[in-house]
Amino acid sequence: MRSPGLRGVAADPSETSQILAVGRHSFNRVHDLAAVLARGVGDGSLRPDVDPRAEATHVVGTIRGLSYLWALDPDRFDGLGAFDHLTEVLRQRLTV
């Protein structure tokens, strides 16, 4: 049986359209970042085994998750520290 996805979660059609708008925005960011990463692979500044689409999906999803956590509890969640850590992890994982 196929999952209803986010459409099955929303209580009314306006919620569904808002959720889908956020999703479209995220997919656009994935597409844009994947293009940047592909250029980096092509010019040799990133490792040749980097999968631009997979990495872009991971990065955008992680940023959205960190942003959500930060919004939920800005006083207890170190958002800047989390983003700094993400930057360092990506640098180590992706660069030559």
C-alpha atoms as a PDB file:
ATOM      1  CA  MET A   1       0.000   0.000   0.000  1.00  0.00           C
ATOM      2  CA  ARG A   2       1.333   3.399  -0.951  1.00  0.00           C
ATOM      3  CA  SER A   3       1.885   5.975   1.795  1.00  0.00           C
ATOM      4  CA  PRO A   4      -0.284   9.110   1.622  1.00  0.00           C
ATOM      5  CA  GLY A   5       2.825  11.166   2.356  1.00  0.00           C
ATOM      6  CA  LEU A   6       2.329  14.646   3.757  1.00  0.00           C
ATOM      7  CA  ARG A   7      -1.122  14.911   2.193  1.00  0.00           C
ATOM      8  CA  GLY A   8      -2.307  12.298   4.694  1.00  0.00           C
ATOM      9  CA  VAL A   9      -0.978  14.291   7.644  1.00  0.00           C
ATOM     10  CA  ALA A  10      -2.578  17.665   6.961  1.00  0.00           C
ATOM     11  CA  ALA A  11      -5.912  18.361   8.600  1.00  0.00           C
ATOM     12  CA  ASP A  12      -7.271  20.561   5.811  1.00  0.00           C
ATOM     13  CA  PRO A  13      -6.429  21.514   2.199  1.00  0.00           C
ATOM     14  CA  SER A  14      -4.803  24.834   3.173  1.00  0.00           C
ATOM     15  CA  GLU A  15      -2.339  22.959   5.407  1.00  0.00           C
ATOM     16  CA  THR A  16      -1.621  20.584   2.547  1.00  0.00           C
ATOM     17  CA  SER A  17      -0.815  23.458   0.181  1.00  0.00           C
ATOM     18  CA  GLN A  18       1.475  25.080   2.764  1.00  0.00           C
ATOM     19  CA  ILE A  19       3.313  21.815   3.366  1.00  0.00           C
ATOM     20  CA  LEU A  20       3.694  21.225  -0.373  1.00  0.00           C
ATOM     21  CA  ALA A  21       4.987  24.785  -0.884  1.00  0.00           C
ATOM     22  CA  VAL A  22       7.690  24.177   1.716  1.00  0.00           C
ATOM     23  CA  GLY A  23       8.496  20.885   0.004  1.00  0.00           C
ATOM     24  CA  ARG A  24       8.818  22.548  -3.410  1.00  0.00           C
ATOM     25  CA  HIS A  25      11.123  25.172  -1.904  1.00  0.00           C
ATOM     26  CA  SER A  26      13.296  22.418  -0.415  1.00  0.00           C
ATOM     27  CA  PHE A  27      13.455  20.517  -3.707  1.00  0.00           C
ATOM     28  CA  ASN A  28      14.483  23.729  -5.489  1.00  0.00           C
ATOM     29  CA  ARG A  29      17.294  24.207  -2.960  1.00  0.00           C
ATOM     30  CA  VAL A  30      18.387  20.591  -3.455  1.00  0.00           C
ATOM     31  CA  HIS A  31      18.493  21.122  -7.215  1.00  0.00           C
ATOM     32  CA  ASP A  32      20.486  24.363  -6.880  1.00  0.00           C
ATOM     33  CA  LEU A  33      22.974  22.918  -4.387  1.00  0.00           C
ATOM     34  CA  ALA A  34      23.408  19.744  -6.444  1.00  0.00           C
ATOM     35  CA  ALA A  35      24.418  21.903  -9.405  1.00  0.00           C
ATOM     36  CA  VAL A  36      27.018  23.721  -7.286  1.00  0.00           C
ATOM     37  CA  LEU A  37      28.388  20.432  -5.956  1.00  0.00           C
ATOM     38  CA  ALA A  38      28.532  18.971  -9.476  1.00  0.00           C
ATOM     39  CA  ARG A  39      30.629  21.952 -10.572  1.00  0.00           C
ATOM     40  CA  GLY A  40      32.945  21.318  -7.621  1.00  0.00           C
ATOM     41  CA  VAL A  41      33.350  17.685  -8.629  1.00  0.00           C
ATOM     42  CA  GLY A  42      33.979  18.777 -12.215  1.00  0.00           C
ATOM     43  CA  ASP A  43      36.627  21.349 -11.344  1.00  0.00           C
ATOM     44  CA  GLY A  44      38.376  19.058  -8.862  1.00  0.00           C
ATOM     45  CA  SER A  45      37.673  21.080  -5.714  1.00  0.00           C
ATOM     46  CA  LEU A  46      35.457  18.260  -4.395  1.00  0.00           C
ATOM     47  CA  ARG A  47      36.218  14.559  -4.269  1.00  0.00           C
ATOM     48  CA  PRO A  48      35.412  12.731  -7.511  1.00  0.00           C
ATOM     49  CA  ASP A  49      33.223  10.166  -5.713  1.00  0.00           C
ATOM     50  CA  VAL A  50      30.814  12.802  -4.324  1.00  0.00           C
ATOM     51  CA  ASP A  51      27.205  12.201  -5.416  1.00  0.00           C
ATOM     52  CA  PRO A  52      25.939  15.795  -5.831  1.00  0.00           C
ATOM     53  CA  ARG A  53      22.234  14.952  -5.619  1.00  0.00           C
ATOM     54  CA  ALA A  54      22.602  12.737  -2.542  1.00  0.00           C
ATOM     55  CA  GLU A  55      24.835  15.238  -0.741  1.00  0.00           C
ATOM     56  CA  ALA A  56      22.551  18.146  -1.606  1.00  0.00           C
ATOM     57  CA  THR A  57      19.535  16.233  -0.275  1.00  0.00           C
ATOM     58  CA  HIS A  58      21.435  15.457   2.920  1.00  0.00           C
ATOM     59  CA  VAL A  59      22.594  19.049   3.414  1.00  0.00           C
ATOM     60  CA  VAL A  60      19.205  20.660   2.773  1.00  0.00           C
ATOM     61  CA  GLY A  61      17.449  18.149   5.025  1.00  0.00           C
ATOM     62  CA  THR A  62      19.981  18.669   7.786  1.00  0.00           C
ATOM     63  CA  ILE A  63      19.731  22.456   7.564  1.00  0.00           C
ATOM     64  CA  ARG A  64      15.933  22.274   7.721  1.00  0.00           C
ATOM     65  CA  GLY A  65      16.122  19.989  10.750  1.00  0.00           C
ATOM     66  CA  LEU A  66      18.640  22.168  12.566  1.00  0.00           C
ATOM     67  CA  SER A  67      16.560  25.260  11.818  1.00  0.00           C
ATOM     68  CA  TYR A  68      13.474  23.548  13.193  1.00  0.00           C
ATOM     69  CA  LEU A  69      15.254  22.564  16.412  1.00  0.00           C
ATOM     70  CA  TRP A  70      16.596  26.080  16.804  1.00  0.00           C
ATOM     71  CA  ALA A  71      13.120  27.559  16.293  1.00  0.00           C
ATOM     72  CA  LEU A  72      11.620  25.187  18.860  1.00  0.00           C
ATOM     73  CA  ASP A  73      14.031  26.091  21.636  1.00  0.00           C
ATOM     74  CA  PRO A  74      16.456  28.887  20.757  1.00  0.00           C
ATOM     75  CA  ASP A  75      17.581  29.290  24.351  1.00  0.00           C
ATOM     76  CA  ARG A  76      18.732  25.693  24.797  1.00  0.00           C
ATOM     77  CA  PHE A  77      19.732  24.725  21.246  1.00  0.00           C
ATOM     78  CA  ASP A  78      23.095  26.025  20.038  1.00  0.00           C
ATOM     79  CA  GLY A  79      22.102  26.673  16.448  1.00  0.00           C
ATOM     80  CA  LEU A  80      25.290  28.493  15.493  1.00  0.00           C
ATOM     81  CA  GLY A  81      27.386  25.707  16.978  1.00  0.00           C
ATOM     82  CA  ALA A  82      25.343  23.098  15.115  1.00  0.00           C
ATOM     83  CA  PHE A  83      25.782  24.917  11.798  1.00  0.00           C
ATOM     84  CA  ASP A  84      29.512  25.347  12.434  1.00  0.00           C
ATOM     85  CA  HIS A  85      29.771  21.615  13.109  1.00  0.00           C
ATOM     86  CA  LEU A  86      27.834  20.808   9.922  1.00  0.00           C
ATOM     87  CA  THR A  87      30.174  23.040   7.935  1.00  0.00           C
ATOM     88  CA  GLU A  88      33.244  21.267   9.303  1.00  0.00           C
ATOM     89  CA  VAL A  89      31.777  17.802   8.721  1.00  0.00           C
ATOM     90  CA  LEU A  90      30.968  18.697   5.117  1.00  0.00           C
ATOM     91  CA  ARG A  91      34.408  20.185   4.544  1.00  0.00           C
ATOM     92  CA  GLN A  92      36.068  16.992   5.765  1.00  0.00           C
ATOM     93  CA  ARG A  93      33.702  14.717   3.844  1.00  0.00           C
ATOM     94  CA  LEU A  94      33.558  16.477   0.506  1.00  0.00           C
ATOM     95  CA  THR A  95      36.839  18.208  -0.170  1.00  0.00           C
ATOM     96  CA  VAL A  96      39.912  16.703  -1.740  1.00  0.00           C
END
